[in-house]
C-alpha atoms as a PDB file:
ATOM      1  CA  UNK A   1       0.000   0.080  -0.026  1.00  0.00           C
ATOM      2  CA  UNK A   2       1.111   3.357  -0.878  1.00  0.00           C
ATOM      3  CA  UNK A   3       0.273   6.135   1.811  1.00  0.00           C
ATOM      4  CA  UNK A   4       1.281   9.483   1.641  1.00  0.00           C
ATOM      5  CA  UNK A   5       1.856  11.670   5.131  1.00  0.00           C
ATOM      6  CA  UNK A   6       1.832  14.902   5.267  1.00  0.00           C
ATOM      7  CA  UNK A   7       0.751  18.074   7.301  1.00  0.00           C
ATOM      8  CA  UNK A   8      -1.040  20.960   5.630  1.00  0.00           C
ATOM      9  CA  UNK A   9      -2.755  24.209   5.881  1.00  0.00           C
ATOM     10  CA  UNK A  10      -5.745  25.662   4.477  1.00  0.00           C
ATOM     11  CA  UNK A  11      -3.938  26.813   1.720  1.00  0.00           C
ATOM     12  CA  UNK A  12      -2.173  23.568   0.820  1.00  0.00           C
ATOM     13  CA  UNK A  13       1.614  24.763   2.362  1.00  0.00           C
ATOM     14  CA  UNK A  14       3.056  21.503   3.379  1.00  0.00           C
ATOM     15  CA  UNK A  15       6.650  23.644   3.843  1.00  0.00           C
ATOM     16  CA  UNK A  16       8.861  26.873   3.643  1.00  0.00           C
ATOM     17  CA  UNK A  17      12.275  27.171   3.056  1.00  0.00           C
ATOM     18  CA  UNK A  18      12.899  23.613   3.586  1.00  0.00           C
ATOM     19  CA  UNK A  19      11.356  23.328   6.686  1.00  0.00           C
ATOM     20  CA  UNK A  20       7.816  23.223   8.419  1.00  0.00           C
ATOM     21  CA  UNK A  21       6.268  26.294   8.668  1.00  0.00           C
ATOM     22  CA  UNK A  22       4.381  25.648  12.071  1.00  0.00           C
ATOM     23  CA  UNK A  23       5.447  23.947  15.678  1.00  0.00           C
ATOM     24  CA  UNK A  24       2.775  21.310  16.088  1.00  0.00           C
ATOM     25  CA  UNK A  25       4.371  18.535  18.657  1.00  0.00           C
ATOM     26  CA  UNK A  26       1.101  16.419  18.168  1.00  0.00           C
ATOM     27  CA  UNK A  27       1.409  16.081  14.457  1.00  0.00           C
ATOM     28  CA  UNK A  28       5.236  14.932  14.948  1.00  0.00           C
ATOM     29  CA  UNK A  29       4.018  12.364  17.415  1.00  0.00           C
ATOM     30  CA  UNK A  30       1.518  11.053  15.096  1.00  0.00           C
ATOM     31  CA  UNK A  31       4.033  11.108  12.649  1.00  0.00           C
ATOM     32  CA  UNK A  32       6.120   8.943  14.539  1.00  0.00           C
ATOM     33  CA  UNK A  33       3.705   6.564  15.852  1.00  0.00           C
ATOM     34  CA  UNK A  34       2.837   5.684  12.280  1.00  0.00           C
ATOM     35  CA  UNK A  35       6.292   5.726  10.597  1.00  0.00           C
ATOM     36  CA  UNK A  36       8.567   3.825  13.026  1.00  0.00           C
ATOM     37  CA  UNK A  37       9.266   0.199  11.946  1.00  0.00           C
ATOM     38  CA  UNK A  38       7.582   1.168   8.654  1.00  0.00           C
ATOM     39  CA  UNK A  39       9.498   2.367   5.179  1.00  0.00           C
ATOM     40  CA  UNK A  40       9.423   6.163   4.676  1.00  0.00           C
ATOM     41  CA  UNK A  41       9.971   7.698   1.111  1.00  0.00           C
ATOM     42  CA  UNK A  42      11.214  10.627   0.880  1.00  0.00           C
ATOM     43  CA  UNK A  43      13.172  13.110  -2.063  1.00  0.00           C
ATOM     44  CA  UNK A  44      16.152  14.491  -1.377  1.00  0.00           C
ATOM     45  CA  UNK A  45      15.285  18.291  -0.508  1.00  0.00           C
ATOM     46  CA  UNK A  46      12.975  16.477   2.351  1.00  0.00           C
ATOM     47  CA  UNK A  47      15.989  14.233   3.228  1.00  0.00           C
ATOM     48  CA  UNK A  48      18.343  17.142   3.344  1.00  0.00           C
ATOM     49  CA  UNK A  49      15.951  18.947   5.689  1.00  0.00           C
ATOM     50  CA  UNK A  50      15.816  16.303   8.354  1.00  0.00           C
ATOM     51  CA  UNK A  51      20.105  16.047   9.426  1.00  0.00           C
ATOM     52  CA  UNK A  52      19.826  12.536   8.405  1.00  0.00           C
ATOM     53  CA  UNK A  53      17.857   9.061   8.518  1.00  0.00           C
ATOM     54  CA  UNK A  54      14.970   8.758  10.581  1.00  0.00           C
ATOM     55  CA  UNK A  55      15.748   6.297  13.197  1.00  0.00           C
ATOM     56  CA  UNK A  56      13.731   3.040  13.603  1.00  0.00           C
ATOM     57  CA  UNK A  57      12.633   3.221  10.180  1.00  0.00           C
ATOM     58  CA  UNK A  58      13.833   1.823   6.513  1.00  0.00           C
ATOM     59  CA  UNK A  59      15.022   5.383   4.437  1.00  0.00           C
ATOM     60  CA  UNK A  60      14.435   5.682   1.019  1.00  0.00           C
ATOM     61  CA  UNK A  61      15.595   9.028  -0.840  1.00  0.00           C
ATOM     62  CA  UNK A  62      14.274   9.211  -4.523  1.00  0.00           C
ATOM     63  CA  UNK A  63      16.637  11.766  -6.736  1.00  0.00           C
ATOM     64  CA  UNK A  64      17.640  12.252 -10.054  1.00  0.00           C
ATOM     65  CA  UNK A  65      21.088  13.201  -8.905  1.00  0.00           C
ATOM     66  CA  UNK A  66      23.037   9.477  -9.633  1.00  0.00           C
ATOM     67  CA  UNK A  67      25.931  10.921  -7.853  1.00  0.00           C
ATOM     68  CA  UNK A  68      23.667  10.938  -4.561  1.00  0.00           C
ATOM     69  CA  UNK A  69      24.375   8.591  -1.780  1.00  0.00           C
ATOM     70  CA  UNK A  70      23.250   8.793   1.979  1.00  0.00           C
ATOM     71  CA  UNK A  71      24.657   6.873   4.736  1.00  0.00           C
ATOM     72  CA  UNK A  72      21.630   4.524   6.441  1.00  0.00           C
ATOM     73  CA  UNK A  73      19.429   4.991   3.088  1.00  0.00           C
ATOM     74  CA  UNK A  74      18.459   3.532  -0.032  1.00  0.00           C
ATOM     75  CA  UNK A  75      18.794   5.709  -3.090  1.00  0.00           C
ATOM     76  CA  UNK A  76      16.862   4.853  -5.715  1.00  0.00           C
ATOM     77  CA  UNK A  77      15.957   7.280  -9.138  1.00  0.00           C
ATOM     78  CA  UNK A  78      12.610   6.243 -10.219  1.00  0.00           C
ATOM     79  CA  UNK A  79       9.225   6.317  -8.843  1.00  0.00           C
ATOM     80  CA  UNK A  80       8.370   3.318 -10.995  1.00  0.00           C
ATOM     81  CA  UNK A  81      10.335   1.328  -8.260  1.00  0.00           C
ATOM     82  CA  UNK A  82       8.071   2.445  -5.370  1.00  0.00           C
ATOM     83  CA  UNK A  83       5.157   1.594  -8.007  1.00  0.00           C
ATOM     84  CA  UNK A  84       6.960  -2.022  -8.365  1.00  0.00           C
ATOM     85  CA  UNK A  85       7.836  -2.709  -4.741  1.00  0.00           C
ATOM     86  CA  UNK A  86       4.050  -2.097  -4.096  1.00  0.00           C
ATOM     87  CA  UNK A  87       2.930  -4.198  -6.431  1.00  0.00           C
ATOM     88  CA  UNK A  88       5.152  -7.096  -5.117  1.00  0.00           C
ATOM     89  CA  UNK A  89       4.627  -6.670  -1.525  1.00  0.00           C
ATOM     90  CA  UNK A  90       0.559  -5.541  -1.838  1.00  0.00           C
ATOM     91  CA  UNK A  91       0.401  -6.291   2.360  1.00  0.00           C
ATOM     92  CA  UNK A  92       3.516  -3.738   2.880  1.00  0.00           C
ATOM     93  CA  UNK A  93       2.829  -0.422   3.832  1.00  0.00           C
ATOM     94  CA  UNK A  94       4.991   2.747   2.092  1.00  0.00           C
ATOM     95  CA  UNK A  95       4.698   6.183   3.599  1.00  0.00           C
ATOM     96  CA  UNK A  96       5.880   8.629   1.162  1.00  0.00           C
ATOM     97  CA  UNK A  97       6.685  11.568   3.406  1.00  0.00           C
ATOM     98  CA  UNK A  98       7.243  14.446   0.688  1.00  0.00           C
ATOM     99  CA  UNK A  99       7.970  16.423  -0.677  1.00  0.00           C
ATOM    100  CA  UNK A 100       5.929  18.842  -3.399  1.00  0.00           C
ATOM    101  CA  UNK A 101       7.329  16.550  -6.493  1.00  0.00           C
ATOM    102  CA  UNK A 102       7.275  13.197  -5.015  1.00  0.00           C
ATOM    103  CA  UNK A 103       3.787  14.052  -3.705  1.00  0.00           C
ATOM    104  CA  UNK A 104       2.665  15.014  -7.604  1.00  0.00           C
ATOM    105  CA  UNK A 105       4.731  12.051  -9.037  1.00  0.00           C
ATOM    106  CA  UNK A 106       3.400   9.164  -6.794  1.00  0.00           C
ATOM    107  CA  UNK A 107      -0.525  10.757  -5.868  1.00  0.00           C
ATOM    108  CA  UNK A 108      -1.902   8.751  -9.364  1.00  0.00           C
ATOM    109  CA  UNK A 109      -0.549   5.223  -7.618  1.00  0.00           C
ATOM    110  CA  UNK A 110      -1.219   5.975  -3.866  1.00  0.00           C
ATOM    111  CA  UNK A 111      -3.620   3.874  -2.091  1.00  0.00           C
ATOM    112  CA  UNK A 112      -4.219   6.191   1.282  1.00  0.00           C
ATOM    113  CA  UNK A 113      -4.000   9.771   2.405  1.00  0.00           C
ATOM    114  CA  UNK A 114      -2.939  10.490   6.315  1.00  0.00           C
ATOM    115  CA  UNK A 115      -3.269  14.319   6.332  1.00  0.00           C
ATOM    116  CA  UNK A 116      -2.842  16.402   9.018  1.00  0.00           C
ATOM    117  CA  UNK A 117      -5.159  19.795   8.052  1.00  0.00           C
ATOM    118  CA  UNK A 118      -4.028  22.656  10.322  1.00  0.00           C
ATOM    119  CA  UNK A 119      -6.916  25.240  10.317  1.00  0.00           C
ATOM    120  CA  UNK A 120      -4.300  28.069   9.933  1.00  0.00           C
ATOM    121  CA  UNK A 121      -2.614  30.169   7.307  1.00  0.00           C
ATOM    122  CA  UNK A 122       1.306  29.947   6.963  1.00  0.00           C
ATOM    123  CA  UNK A 123       4.017  31.498   4.587  1.00  0.00           C
ATOM    124  CA  UNK A 124       4.727  28.629   2.371  1.00  0.00           C
ATOM    125  CA  UNK A 125       6.977  27.596  -0.444  1.00  0.00           C
ATOM    126  CA  UNK A 126       6.347  23.944  -1.026  1.00  0.00           C
ATOM    127  CA  UNK A 127       2.564  22.781  -1.699  1.00  0.00           C
ATOM    128  CA  UNK A 128       0.407  19.826  -1.737  1.00  0.00           C
ATOM    129  CA  UNK A 129      -1.013  18.997  -5.447  1.00  0.00           C
ATOM    130  CA  UNK A 130      -4.716  19.437  -5.720  1.00  0.00           C
ATOM    131  CA  UNK A 131      -6.294  15.898  -5.830  1.00  0.00           C
ATOM    132  CA  UNK A 132      -9.703  14.713  -6.773  1.00  0.00           C
ATOM    133  CA  UNK A 133     -11.448  14.278  -4.028  1.00  0.00           C
ATOM    134  CA  UNK A 134     -14.268  12.438  -5.672  1.00  0.00           C
ATOM    135  CA  UNK A 135     -11.936   9.625  -6.204  1.00  0.00           C
ATOM    136  CA  UNK A 136     -11.097   9.608  -2.277  1.00  0.00           C
ATOM    137  CA  UNK A 137     -13.155   8.514   0.606  1.00  0.00           C
ATOM    138  CA  UNK A 138     -12.717  10.551   4.104  1.00  0.00           C
ATOM    139  CA  UNK A 139     -12.532   7.129   6.432  1.00  0.00           C
ATOM    140  CA  UNK A 140     -11.259   8.482   9.287  1.00  0.00           C
ATOM    141  CA  UNK A 141     -11.409  11.935  11.148  1.00  0.00           C
ATOM    142  CA  UNK A 142     -10.067  13.211  14.319  1.00  0.00           C
ATOM    143  CA  UNK A 143      -9.462  16.549  15.676  1.00  0.00           C
ATOM    144  CA  UNK A 144      -6.438  17.137  17.538  1.00  0.00           C
ATOM    145  CA  UNK A 145      -5.617  18.514  21.151  1.00  0.00           C
ATOM    146  CA  UNK A 146      -5.586  21.911  21.069  1.00  0.00           C
ATOM    147  CA  UNK A 147      -3.145  23.476  23.895  1.00  0.00           C
ATOM    148  CA  UNK A 148       0.099  25.786  24.642  1.00  0.00           C
ATOM    149  CA  UNK A 149       2.382  23.796  22.619  1.00  0.00           C
ATOM    150  CA  UNK A 150      -0.236  22.837  19.502  1.00  0.00           C
ATOM    151  CA  UNK A 151      -1.816  26.228  19.415  1.00  0.00           C
ATOM    152  CA  UNK A 152      -3.839  25.713  16.258  1.00  0.00           C
ATOM    153  CA  UNK A 153      -7.088  23.817  15.403  1.00  0.00           C
ATOM    154  CA  UNK A 154      -6.263  20.543  13.619  1.00  0.00           C
ATOM    155  CA  UNK A 155      -7.601  17.538  12.530  1.00  0.00           C
ATOM    156  CA  UNK A 156      -5.701  13.970  11.489  1.00  0.00           C
ATOM    157  CA  UNK A 157      -7.774  12.718   8.404  1.00  0.00           C
ATOM    158  CA  UNK A 158      -7.208   9.340   6.631  1.00  0.00           C
ATOM    159  CA  UNK A 159      -8.615   9.060   3.088  1.00  0.00           C
ATOM    160  CA  UNK A 160      -8.727   5.889   1.047  1.00  0.00           C
ATOM    161  CA  UNK A 161      -8.533   5.422  -2.787  1.00  0.00           C
ATOM    162  CA  UNK A 162     -12.187   4.409  -4.393  1.00  0.00           C
END
């Protein structure tokens, strides 16, 4: 199963200057709970924004740069590899975690979307692509806890491809 995992604001912003434009610890906790002991797939820029591979996960970096190497990661150069792995291992969940270009490339082949929707607007330079919501069903929605450390209204949403 190919799953997209991201947080975005009301204007589809997912990043700014190669980082997150918000502080939302509960979203990071949700991310960690979903991806620990799993496979995460990301673009090179997303990988470089994280200061190394995510611990306790299989880290796969997708890049067009044939010279790119990253210790502790598998480097691939084609989204078709991910689609092939998914067909060969249909019971395994692959978490695509960004960025914008990777989401655009894999969206047609995705099975599930895990979206943290933040009910606020932020300055951004990276956006989640528009998707045809008639082809997706909202299967789960949980309101996140707003508090001192998580100062926004936000919702954990799960969409499954119809």
